[in-house]
All heavy atoms as atom14 arrays in JSON, in Angstrom:
{
  "sequence": "NKLHQQIANEPFAELQLEGRFDVIARIHGGGTAGQAGALRLGVARS",
  "atom14_mask": [
    [1, 1, 1, 1, 1, 1, 1, 1, 0, 0, 0, 0, 0, 0],
    [1, 1, 1, 1, 1, 1, 1, 1, 1, 0, 0, 0, 0, 0],
    [1, 1, 1, 1, 1, 1, 1, 1, 0, 0, 0, 0, 0, 0],
    [1, 1, 1, 1, 1, 1, 1, 1, 1, 1, 0, 0, 0, 0],
    [1, 1, 1, 1, 1, 1, 1, 1, 1, 0, 0, 0, 0, 0],
    [1, 1, 1, 1, 1, 1, 1, 1, 1, 0, 0, 0, 0, 0],
    [1, 1, 1, 1, 1, 1, 1, 1, 0, 0, 0, 0, 0, 0],
    [1, 1, 1, 1, 1, 0, 0, 0, 0, 0, 0, 0, 0, 0],
    [1, 1, 1, 1, 1, 1, 1, 1, 0, 0, 0, 0, 0, 0],
    [1, 1, 1, 1, 1, 1, 1, 1, 1, 0, 0, 0, 0, 0],
    [1, 1, 1, 1, 1, 1, 1, 0, 0, 0, 0, 0, 0, 0],
    [1, 1, 1, 1, 1, 1, 1, 1, 1, 1, 1, 0, 0, 0],
    [1, 1, 1, 1, 1, 0, 0, 0, 0, 0, 0, 0, 0, 0],
    [1, 1, 1, 1, 1, 1, 1, 1, 1, 0, 0, 0, 0, 0],
    [1, 1, 1, 1, 1, 1, 1, 1, 0, 0, 0, 0, 0, 0],
    [1, 1, 1, 1, 1, 1, 1, 1, 1, 0, 0, 0, 0, 0],
    [1, 1, 1, 1, 1, 1, 1, 1, 0, 0, 0, 0, 0, 0],
    [1, 1, 1, 1, 1, 1, 1, 1, 1, 0, 0, 0, 0, 0],
    [1, 1, 1, 1, 0, 0, 0, 0, 0, 0, 0, 0, 0, 0],
    [1, 1, 1, 1, 1, 1, 1, 1, 1, 1, 1, 0, 0, 0],
    [1, 1, 1, 1, 1, 1, 1, 1, 1, 1, 1, 0, 0, 0],
    [1, 1, 1, 1, 1, 1, 1, 1, 0, 0, 0, 0, 0, 0],
    [1, 1, 1, 1, 1, 1, 1, 0, 0, 0, 0, 0, 0, 0],
    [1, 1, 1, 1, 1, 1, 1, 1, 0, 0, 0, 0, 0, 0],
    [1, 1, 1, 1, 1, 0, 0, 0, 0, 0, 0, 0, 0, 0],
    [1, 1, 1, 1, 1, 1, 1, 1, 1, 1, 1, 0, 0, 0],
    [1, 1, 1, 1, 1, 1, 1, 1, 0, 0, 0, 0, 0, 0],
    [1, 1, 1, 1, 1, 1, 1, 1, 1, 1, 0, 0, 0, 0],
    [1, 1, 1, 1, 0, 0, 0, 0, 0, 0, 0, 0, 0, 0],
    [1, 1, 1, 1, 0, 0, 0, 0, 0, 0, 0, 0, 0, 0],
    [1, 1, 1, 1, 0, 0, 0, 0, 0, 0, 0, 0, 0, 0],
    [1, 1, 1, 1, 1, 1, 1, 0, 0, 0, 0, 0, 0, 0],
    [1, 1, 1, 1, 1, 0, 0, 0, 0, 0, 0, 0, 0, 0],
    [1, 1, 1, 1, 0, 0, 0, 0, 0, 0, 0, 0, 0, 0],
    [1, 1, 1, 1, 1, 1, 1, 1, 1, 0, 0, 0, 0, 0],
    [1, 1, 1, 1, 1, 0, 0, 0, 0, 0, 0, 0, 0, 0],
    [1, 1, 1, 1, 0, 0, 0, 0, 0, 0, 0, 0, 0, 0],
    [1, 1, 1, 1, 1, 0, 0, 0, 0, 0, 0, 0, 0, 0],
    [1, 1, 1, 1, 1, 1, 1, 1, 0, 0, 0, 0, 0, 0],
    [1, 1, 1, 1, 1, 1, 1, 1, 1, 1, 1, 0, 0, 0],
    [1, 1, 1, 1, 1, 1, 1, 1, 0, 0, 0, 0, 0, 0],
    [1, 1, 1, 1, 0, 0, 0, 0, 0, 0, 0, 0, 0, 0],
    [1, 1, 1, 1, 1, 1, 1, 0, 0, 0, 0, 0, 0, 0],
    [1, 1, 1, 1, 1, 0, 0, 0, 0, 0, 0, 0, 0, 0],
    [1, 1, 1, 1, 1, 1, 1, 1, 1, 1, 1, 0, 0, 0],
    [1, 1, 1, 1, 1, 1, 0, 0, 0, 0, 0, 0, 0, 0]
  ],
  "atom14_positions": [
    [[19.35, 58.12, -39.97], [19.43, 57.51, -38.68], [20.22, 56.22, -38.74], [19.86, 55.29, -39.54], [17.96, 57.24, -38.16], [17.93, 56.83, -36.8], [18.89, 56.27, -36.25], [16.79, 56.95, -36.12], [0.0, 0.0, 0.0], [0.0, 0.0, 0.0], [0.0, 0.0, 0.0], [0.0, 0.0, 0.0], [0.0, 0.0, 0.0], [0.0, 0.0, 0.0]],
    [[21.25, 56.04, -37.86], [22.14, 54.87, -37.95], [21.3, 53.65, -37.54], [21.55, 52.56, -38.05], [23.24, 55.0, -36.89], [24.19, 56.15, -37.21], [25.01, 55.72, -38.42], [26.04, 56.75, -38.64], [26.65, 56.65, -39.95], [0.0, 0.0, 0.0], [0.0, 0.0, 0.0], [0.0, 0.0, 0.0], [0.0, 0.0, 0.0], [0.0, 0.0, 0.0]],
    [[20.28, 53.72, -36.69], [19.48, 52.55, -36.37], [18.72, 51.98, -37.67], [18.66, 50.74, -37.81], [18.43, 52.93, -35.34], [17.53, 51.81, -34.9], [18.3, 50.7, -34.19], [16.4, 52.3, -33.96], [0.0, 0.0, 0.0], [0.0, 0.0, 0.0], [0.0, 0.0, 0.0], [0.0, 0.0, 0.0], [0.0, 0.0, 0.0], [0.0, 0.0, 0.0]],
    [[18.21, 52.9, -38.43], [17.56, 52.41, -39.64], [18.51, 51.83, -40.6], [18.15, 50.86, -41.35], [16.68, 53.61, -40.32], [15.59, 54.05, -39.39], [15.13, 55.38, -39.5], [14.85, 53.48, -38.58], [14.24, 55.53, -38.63], [14.0, 54.4, -38.03], [0.0, 0.0, 0.0], [0.0, 0.0, 0.0], [0.0, 0.0, 0.0], [0.0, 0.0, 0.0]],
    [[19.69, 52.31, -40.68], [20.76, 51.75, -41.57], [21.15, 50.34, -41.09], [21.21, 49.39, -41.87], [22.06, 52.64, -41.56], [21.83, 54.0, -42.23], [23.06, 54.86, -42.1], [24.18, 54.41, -41.76], [22.91, 56.18, -42.23], [0.0, 0.0, 0.0], [0.0, 0.0, 0.0], [0.0, 0.0, 0.0], [0.0, 0.0, 0.0], [0.0, 0.0, 0.0]],
    [[21.22, 50.23, -39.73], [21.61, 48.91, -39.17], [20.41, 47.88, -39.42], [20.7, 46.73, -39.76], [21.7, 49.06, -37.68], [22.21, 47.83, -36.92], [22.37, 48.07, -35.44], [22.36, 49.19, -34.93], [22.56, 46.94, -34.75], [0.0, 0.0, 0.0], [0.0, 0.0, 0.0], [0.0, 0.0, 0.0], [0.0, 0.0, 0.0], [0.0, 0.0, 0.0]],
    [[19.14, 48.32, -39.34], [18.05, 47.45, -39.62], [18.1, 46.99, -41.08], [17.91, 45.76, -41.35], [16.71, 48.19, -39.31], [16.56, 48.35, -37.79], [15.64, 47.45, -39.88], [15.44, 49.2, -37.4], [0.0, 0.0, 0.0], [0.0, 0.0, 0.0], [0.0, 0.0, 0.0], [0.0, 0.0, 0.0], [0.0, 0.0, 0.0], [0.0, 0.0, 0.0]],
    [[18.37, 47.89, -41.96], [18.35, 47.51, -43.35], [19.51, 46.59, -43.71], [19.43, 45.66, -44.59], [18.47, 48.77, -44.3], [0.0, 0.0, 0.0], [0.0, 0.0, 0.0], [0.0, 0.0, 0.0], [0.0, 0.0, 0.0], [0.0, 0.0, 0.0], [0.0, 0.0, 0.0], [0.0, 0.0, 0.0], [0.0, 0.0, 0.0], [0.0, 0.0, 0.0]],
    [[20.62, 46.67, -43.06], [21.85, 45.92, -43.33], [21.86, 44.57, -42.46], [22.83, 43.81, -42.64], [23.1, 46.74, -42.93], [24.33, 46.24, -43.75], [24.28, 45.73, -44.83], [25.48, 46.38, -42.97], [0.0, 0.0, 0.0], [0.0, 0.0, 0.0], [0.0, 0.0, 0.0], [0.0, 0.0, 0.0], [0.0, 0.0, 0.0], [0.0, 0.0, 0.0]],
    [[20.89, 44.37, -41.71], [20.89, 43.17, -40.78], [21.04, 41.84, -41.48], [21.75, 40.95, -41.0], [19.61, 43.25, -39.93], [19.71, 42.3, -38.7], [18.48, 42.53, -37.76], [17.77, 43.5, -37.93], [18.26, 41.65, -36.98], [0.0, 0.0, 0.0], [0.0, 0.0, 0.0], [0.0, 0.0, 0.0], [0.0, 0.0, 0.0], [0.0, 0.0, 0.0]],
    [[20.33, 41.58, -42.61], [20.51, 40.26, -43.28], [21.92, 40.07, -43.82], [22.45, 38.9, -43.61], [19.57, 40.39, -44.48], [18.59, 41.37, -44.14], [19.21, 42.37, -43.28], [0.0, 0.0, 0.0], [0.0, 0.0, 0.0], [0.0, 0.0, 0.0], [0.0, 0.0, 0.0], [0.0, 0.0, 0.0], [0.0, 0.0, 0.0], [0.0, 0.0, 0.0]],
    [[22.55, 41.03, -44.19], [24.03, 40.89, -44.62], [24.91, 40.6, -43.46], [25.84, 39.79, -43.48], [24.46, 42.11, -45.35], [23.86, 42.34, -46.74], [23.26, 43.48, -47.04], [24.04, 41.39, -47.73], [22.67, 43.69, -48.28], [23.53, 41.54, -48.97], [22.81, 42.69, -49.27], [0.0, 0.0, 0.0], [0.0, 0.0, 0.0], [0.0, 0.0, 0.0]],
    [[24.61, 41.35, -42.31], [25.42, 41.1, -41.14], [25.2, 39.65, -40.62], [26.19, 39.09, -40.11], [25.1, 42.16, -40.06], [0.0, 0.0, 0.0], [0.0, 0.0, 0.0], [0.0, 0.0, 0.0], [0.0, 0.0, 0.0], [0.0, 0.0, 0.0], [0.0, 0.0, 0.0], [0.0, 0.0, 0.0], [0.0, 0.0, 0.0], [0.0, 0.0, 0.0]],
    [[23.96, 39.18, -40.63], [23.7, 37.86, -40.1], [24.38, 36.75, -40.91], [24.97, 35.76, -40.39], [22.24, 37.59, -40.28], [21.7, 36.33, -39.54], [21.89, 36.26, -38.13], [21.84, 37.27, -37.41], [22.21, 35.22, -37.6], [0.0, 0.0, 0.0], [0.0, 0.0, 0.0], [0.0, 0.0, 0.0], [0.0, 0.0, 0.0], [0.0, 0.0, 0.0]],
    [[24.6, 36.98, -42.24], [25.3, 35.97, -43.09], [26.72, 36.35, -43.32], [27.45, 35.66, -44.13], [24.54, 35.84, -44.38], [23.06, 35.34, -44.33], [22.46, 35.5, -45.73], [23.05, 34.01, -43.83], [0.0, 0.0, 0.0], [0.0, 0.0, 0.0], [0.0, 0.0, 0.0], [0.0, 0.0, 0.0], [0.0, 0.0, 0.0], [0.0, 0.0, 0.0]],
    [[27.25, 37.34, -42.77], [28.69, 37.84, -42.87], [28.95, 38.08, -44.38], [29.91, 37.61, -44.94], [29.71, 36.84, -42.36], [29.72, 36.83, -40.88], [28.97, 35.63, -40.34], [28.82, 34.65, -40.91], [28.45, 35.79, -39.13], [0.0, 0.0, 0.0], [0.0, 0.0, 0.0], [0.0, 0.0, 0.0], [0.0, 0.0, 0.0], [0.0, 0.0, 0.0]],
    [[28.0, 38.79, -45.04], [28.17, 39.18, -46.48], [28.23, 40.6, -46.79], [28.06, 41.01, -47.85], [26.93, 38.56, -47.35], [26.83, 37.05, -47.32], [25.59, 36.59, -48.03], [28.1, 36.37, -48.05], [0.0, 0.0, 0.0], [0.0, 0.0, 0.0], [0.0, 0.0, 0.0], [0.0, 0.0, 0.0], [0.0, 0.0, 0.0], [0.0, 0.0, 0.0]],
    [[28.63, 41.39, -45.75], [28.73, 42.87, -46.0], [29.74, 43.11, -47.09], [30.86, 42.64, -47.13], [29.11, 43.63, -44.74], [28.12, 43.58, -43.6], [28.55, 42.52, -42.52], [29.22, 41.53, -42.79], [28.15, 42.79, -41.4], [0.0, 0.0, 0.0], [0.0, 0.0, 0.0], [0.0, 0.0, 0.0], [0.0, 0.0, 0.0], [0.0, 0.0, 0.0]],
    [[29.35, 43.99, -48.02], [30.21, 44.5, -49.09], [30.37, 43.46, -50.22], [31.21, 43.75, -51.14], [0.0, 0.0, 0.0], [0.0, 0.0, 0.0], [0.0, 0.0, 0.0], [0.0, 0.0, 0.0], [0.0, 0.0, 0.0], [0.0, 0.0, 0.0], [0.0, 0.0, 0.0], [0.0, 0.0, 0.0], [0.0, 0.0, 0.0], [0.0, 0.0, 0.0]],
    [[29.56, 42.41, -50.29], [29.63, 41.47, -51.37], [28.58, 41.77, -52.45], [28.65, 41.23, -53.54], [29.59, 40.02, -50.89], [30.77, 39.78, -49.96], [31.45, 38.46, -50.11], [30.99, 37.53, -50.97], [30.63, 36.23, -50.85], [30.7, 35.72, -49.55], [30.38, 35.41, -51.88], [0.0, 0.0, 0.0], [0.0, 0.0, 0.0], [0.0, 0.0, 0.0]],
    [[27.5, 42.48, -52.04], [26.34, 42.64, -52.9], [26.07, 44.08, -53.06], [26.13, 44.85, -52.06], [25.14, 41.88, -52.53], [25.26, 40.41, -52.66], [25.63, 39.66, -51.61], [25.0, 39.74, -53.79], [25.81, 38.28, -51.57], [25.15, 38.43, -53.87], [25.42, 37.68, -52.82], [0.0, 0.0, 0.0], [0.0, 0.0, 0.0], [0.0, 0.0, 0.0]],
    [[25.62, 44.62, -54.32], [25.01, 45.9, -54.44], [23.52, 45.75, -54.34], [22.99, 44.8, -54.82], [25.37, 46.5, -55.82], [26.88, 46.78, -56.02], [27.55, 46.86, -54.94], [27.39, 46.95, -57.16], [0.0, 0.0, 0.0], [0.0, 0.0, 0.0], [0.0, 0.0, 0.0], [0.0, 0.0, 0.0], [0.0, 0.0, 0.0], [0.0, 0.0, 0.0]],
    [[22.99, 46.77, -53.65], [21.44, 46.77, -53.45], [20.84, 47.88, -54.26], [21.33, 49.05, -54.09], [21.13, 46.88, -52.0], [19.63, 46.85, -51.74], [21.85, 45.72, -51.16], [0.0, 0.0, 0.0], [0.0, 0.0, 0.0], [0.0, 0.0, 0.0], [0.0, 0.0, 0.0], [0.0, 0.0, 0.0], [0.0, 0.0, 0.0], [0.0, 0.0, 0.0]],
    [[19.86, 47.53, -55.1], [19.09, 48.57, -55.81], [17.64, 48.4, -55.27], [17.07, 47.3, -55.41], [19.13, 48.31, -57.22], [20.67, 48.43, -57.71], [18.31, 49.42, -58.07], [21.15, 47.29, -58.3], [0.0, 0.0, 0.0], [0.0, 0.0, 0.0], [0.0, 0.0, 0.0], [0.0, 0.0, 0.0], [0.0, 0.0, 0.0], [0.0, 0.0, 0.0]],
    [[17.06, 49.5, -54.68], [15.73, 49.27, -54.14], [14.86, 50.5, -54.5], [15.37, 51.61, -54.61], [15.8, 49.19, -52.62], [0.0, 0.0, 0.0], [0.0, 0.0, 0.0], [0.0, 0.0, 0.0], [0.0, 0.0, 0.0], [0.0, 0.0, 0.0], [0.0, 0.0, 0.0], [0.0, 0.0, 0.0], [0.0, 0.0, 0.0], [0.0, 0.0, 0.0]],
    [[13.53, 50.28, -54.7], [12.54, 51.28, -54.81], [11.62, 51.11, -53.71], [10.98, 50.09, -53.51], [11.78, 51.15, -56.11], [12.67, 51.16, -57.43], [13.13, 52.53, -57.67], [12.06, 53.5, -58.02], [12.2, 54.78, -58.02], [13.35, 55.26, -57.75], [11.25, 55.58, -58.36], [0.0, 0.0, 0.0], [0.0, 0.0, 0.0], [0.0, 0.0, 0.0]],
    [[11.5, 52.22, -52.88], [10.61, 52.15, -51.68], [9.55, 53.28, -51.75], [9.93, 54.3, -52.15], [11.4, 52.29, -50.37], [12.55, 51.33, -50.35], [10.57, 52.17, -49.16], [13.53, 51.56, -49.06], [0.0, 0.0, 0.0], [0.0, 0.0, 0.0], [0.0, 0.0, 0.0], [0.0, 0.0, 0.0], [0.0, 0.0, 0.0], [0.0, 0.0, 0.0]],
    [[8.35, 52.9, -51.44], [7.32, 53.91, -51.3], [6.32, 53.57, -50.14], [6.29, 52.45, -49.76], [6.53, 54.16, -52.55], [5.74, 52.84, -52.99], [6.24, 51.84, -53.59], [4.39, 52.64, -52.79], [5.24, 50.94, -53.87], [4.24, 51.43, -53.38], [0.0, 0.0, 0.0], [0.0, 0.0, 0.0], [0.0, 0.0, 0.0], [0.0, 0.0, 0.0]],
    [[5.67, 54.62, -49.62], [4.68, 54.36, -48.6], [5.33, 54.36, -47.2], [6.42, 54.08, -47.1], [0.0, 0.0, 0.0], [0.0, 0.0, 0.0], [0.0, 0.0, 0.0], [0.0, 0.0, 0.0], [0.0, 0.0, 0.0], [0.0, 0.0, 0.0], [0.0, 0.0, 0.0], [0.0, 0.0, 0.0], [0.0, 0.0, 0.0], [0.0, 0.0, 0.0]],
    [[4.47, 54.69, -46.21], [4.98, 54.52, -44.8], [5.92, 55.59, -44.43], [6.22, 56.51, -45.12], [0.0, 0.0, 0.0], [0.0, 0.0, 0.0], [0.0, 0.0, 0.0], [0.0, 0.0, 0.0], [0.0, 0.0, 0.0], [0.0, 0.0, 0.0], [0.0, 0.0, 0.0], [0.0, 0.0, 0.0], [0.0, 0.0, 0.0], [0.0, 0.0, 0.0]],
    [[6.45, 55.37, -43.23], [7.52, 56.3, -42.64], [8.83, 55.63, -42.7], [9.0, 54.54, -43.26], [0.0, 0.0, 0.0], [0.0, 0.0, 0.0], [0.0, 0.0, 0.0], [0.0, 0.0, 0.0], [0.0, 0.0, 0.0], [0.0, 0.0, 0.0], [0.0, 0.0, 0.0], [0.0, 0.0, 0.0], [0.0, 0.0, 0.0], [0.0, 0.0, 0.0]],
    [[9.75, 56.26, -42.07], [11.2, 55.8, -42.29], [11.38, 54.48, -41.58], [12.14, 53.65, -42.08], [12.23, 56.85, -41.63], [11.7, 57.12, -40.38], [12.2, 58.05, -42.45], [0.0, 0.0, 0.0], [0.0, 0.0, 0.0], [0.0, 0.0, 0.0], [0.0, 0.0, 0.0], [0.0, 0.0, 0.0], [0.0, 0.0, 0.0], [0.0, 0.0, 0.0]],
    [[10.75, 54.21, -40.42], [10.95, 52.94, -39.67], [10.3, 51.8, -40.53], [10.86, 50.68, -40.65], [10.4, 53.04, -38.23], [0.0, 0.0, 0.0], [0.0, 0.0, 0.0], [0.0, 0.0, 0.0], [0.0, 0.0, 0.0], [0.0, 0.0, 0.0], [0.0, 0.0, 0.0], [0.0, 0.0, 0.0], [0.0, 0.0, 0.0], [0.0, 0.0, 0.0]],
    [[9.14, 51.99, -41.04], [8.47, 51.06, -41.89], [9.18, 50.78, -43.11], [9.34, 49.59, -43.47], [0.0, 0.0, 0.0], [0.0, 0.0, 0.0], [0.0, 0.0, 0.0], [0.0, 0.0, 0.0], [0.0, 0.0, 0.0], [0.0, 0.0, 0.0], [0.0, 0.0, 0.0], [0.0, 0.0, 0.0], [0.0, 0.0, 0.0], [0.0, 0.0, 0.0]],
    [[9.85, 51.72, -43.71], [10.57, 51.62, -44.86], [11.81, 50.81, -44.67], [12.22, 49.93, -45.49], [10.9, 52.9, -45.54], [9.73, 53.56, -46.23], [9.99, 54.86, -46.95], [11.16, 55.34, -46.91], [9.02, 55.34, -47.69], [0.0, 0.0, 0.0], [0.0, 0.0, 0.0], [0.0, 0.0, 0.0], [0.0, 0.0, 0.0], [0.0, 0.0, 0.0]],
    [[12.47, 51.11, -43.54], [13.65, 50.3, -43.09], [13.35, 48.89, -42.93], [14.06, 47.96, -43.37], [14.31, 50.95, -41.94], [0.0, 0.0, 0.0], [0.0, 0.0, 0.0], [0.0, 0.0, 0.0], [0.0, 0.0, 0.0], [0.0, 0.0, 0.0], [0.0, 0.0, 0.0], [0.0, 0.0, 0.0], [0.0, 0.0, 0.0], [0.0, 0.0, 0.0]],
    [[12.18, 48.56, -42.27], [11.7, 47.25, -42.06], [11.43, 46.5, -43.35], [11.69, 45.28, -43.54], [0.0, 0.0, 0.0], [0.0, 0.0, 0.0], [0.0, 0.0, 0.0], [0.0, 0.0, 0.0], [0.0, 0.0, 0.0], [0.0, 0.0, 0.0], [0.0, 0.0, 0.0], [0.0, 0.0, 0.0], [0.0, 0.0, 0.0], [0.0, 0.0, 0.0]],
    [[10.68, 47.23, -44.18], [10.47, 46.69, -45.58], [11.71, 46.26, -46.36], [11.7, 45.27, -47.01], [9.55, 47.62, -46.37], [0.0, 0.0, 0.0], [0.0, 0.0, 0.0], [0.0, 0.0, 0.0], [0.0, 0.0, 0.0], [0.0, 0.0, 0.0], [0.0, 0.0, 0.0], [0.0, 0.0, 0.0], [0.0, 0.0, 0.0], [0.0, 0.0, 0.0]],
    [[12.63, 47.15, -46.27], [13.94, 46.92, -46.97], [14.61, 45.81, -46.42], [15.22, 44.98, -47.18], [14.86, 48.28, -46.92], [16.09, 48.2, -47.62], [15.95, 47.98, -49.1], [16.88, 49.52, -47.36], [0.0, 0.0, 0.0], [0.0, 0.0, 0.0], [0.0, 0.0, 0.0], [0.0, 0.0, 0.0], [0.0, 0.0, 0.0], [0.0, 0.0, 0.0]],
    [[14.57, 45.64, -45.16], [15.33, 44.42, -44.51], [14.66, 43.22, -44.95], [15.35, 42.18, -45.3], [15.18, 44.6, -42.98], [15.79, 43.4, -42.28], [15.62, 43.46, -40.74], [14.34, 43.13, -40.3], [13.96, 43.1, -38.99], [14.8, 43.25, -38.06], [12.76, 42.73, -38.71], [0.0, 0.0, 0.0], [0.0, 0.0, 0.0], [0.0, 0.0, 0.0]],
    [[13.27, 43.13, -45.05], [12.63, 41.85, -45.46], [12.95, 41.66, -46.9], [13.12, 40.4, -47.35], [11.14, 42.04, -45.29], [10.28, 40.86, -45.69], [10.65, 39.46, -44.95], [8.74, 41.09, -45.43], [0.0, 0.0, 0.0], [0.0, 0.0, 0.0], [0.0, 0.0, 0.0], [0.0, 0.0, 0.0], [0.0, 0.0, 0.0], [0.0, 0.0, 0.0]],
    [[13.01, 42.66, -47.8], [13.25, 42.52, -49.16], [14.64, 41.95, -49.34], [14.85, 41.14, -50.18], [0.0, 0.0, 0.0], [0.0, 0.0, 0.0], [0.0, 0.0, 0.0], [0.0, 0.0, 0.0], [0.0, 0.0, 0.0], [0.0, 0.0, 0.0], [0.0, 0.0, 0.0], [0.0, 0.0, 0.0], [0.0, 0.0, 0.0], [0.0, 0.0, 0.0]],
    [[15.6, 42.51, -48.66], [17.03, 42.1, -48.73], [17.12, 40.6, -48.3], [17.85, 39.73, -48.94], [17.96, 42.91, -47.99], [19.35, 42.34, -47.88], [18.09, 44.32, -48.65], [0.0, 0.0, 0.0], [0.0, 0.0, 0.0], [0.0, 0.0, 0.0], [0.0, 0.0, 0.0], [0.0, 0.0, 0.0], [0.0, 0.0, 0.0], [0.0, 0.0, 0.0]],
    [[16.53, 40.26, -47.2], [16.51, 38.88, -46.68], [15.94, 37.88, -47.59], [16.51, 36.77, -47.94], [15.8, 38.83, -45.32], [0.0, 0.0, 0.0], [0.0, 0.0, 0.0], [0.0, 0.0, 0.0], [0.0, 0.0, 0.0], [0.0, 0.0, 0.0], [0.0, 0.0, 0.0], [0.0, 0.0, 0.0], [0.0, 0.0, 0.0], [0.0, 0.0, 0.0]],
    [[14.81, 38.28, -48.21], [14.24, 37.34, -49.3], [15.04, 37.22, -50.51], [15.08, 36.15, -51.09], [12.79, 37.91, -49.6], [11.77, 37.77, -48.63], [10.4, 38.27, -49.06], [9.3, 37.9, -48.19], [8.12, 38.39, -48.32], [7.79, 39.29, -49.17], [7.22, 38.0, -47.47], [0.0, 0.0, 0.0], [0.0, 0.0, 0.0], [0.0, 0.0, 0.0]],
    [[15.71, 38.26, -50.87], [16.61, 38.25, -52.0], [17.78, 37.31, -51.74], [18.14, 36.57, -52.64], [17.13, 39.69, -52.41], [16.11, 40.41, -52.86], [0.0, 0.0, 0.0], [0.0, 0.0, 0.0], [0.0, 0.0, 0.0], [0.0, 0.0, 0.0], [0.0, 0.0, 0.0], [0.0, 0.0, 0.0], [0.0, 0.0, 0.0], [0.0, 0.0, 0.0]]
  ]
}
């Protein structure tokens, strides 16, 4: 789903850093929307 991709990429878009970092993630639990939100928070905190 493009919306979930956009949610996950939001911190990079906000800082104009698309394509400058590689992301390695391990996700478990919840559904796709919850996982996209968790990934967004993890990327922002990183």
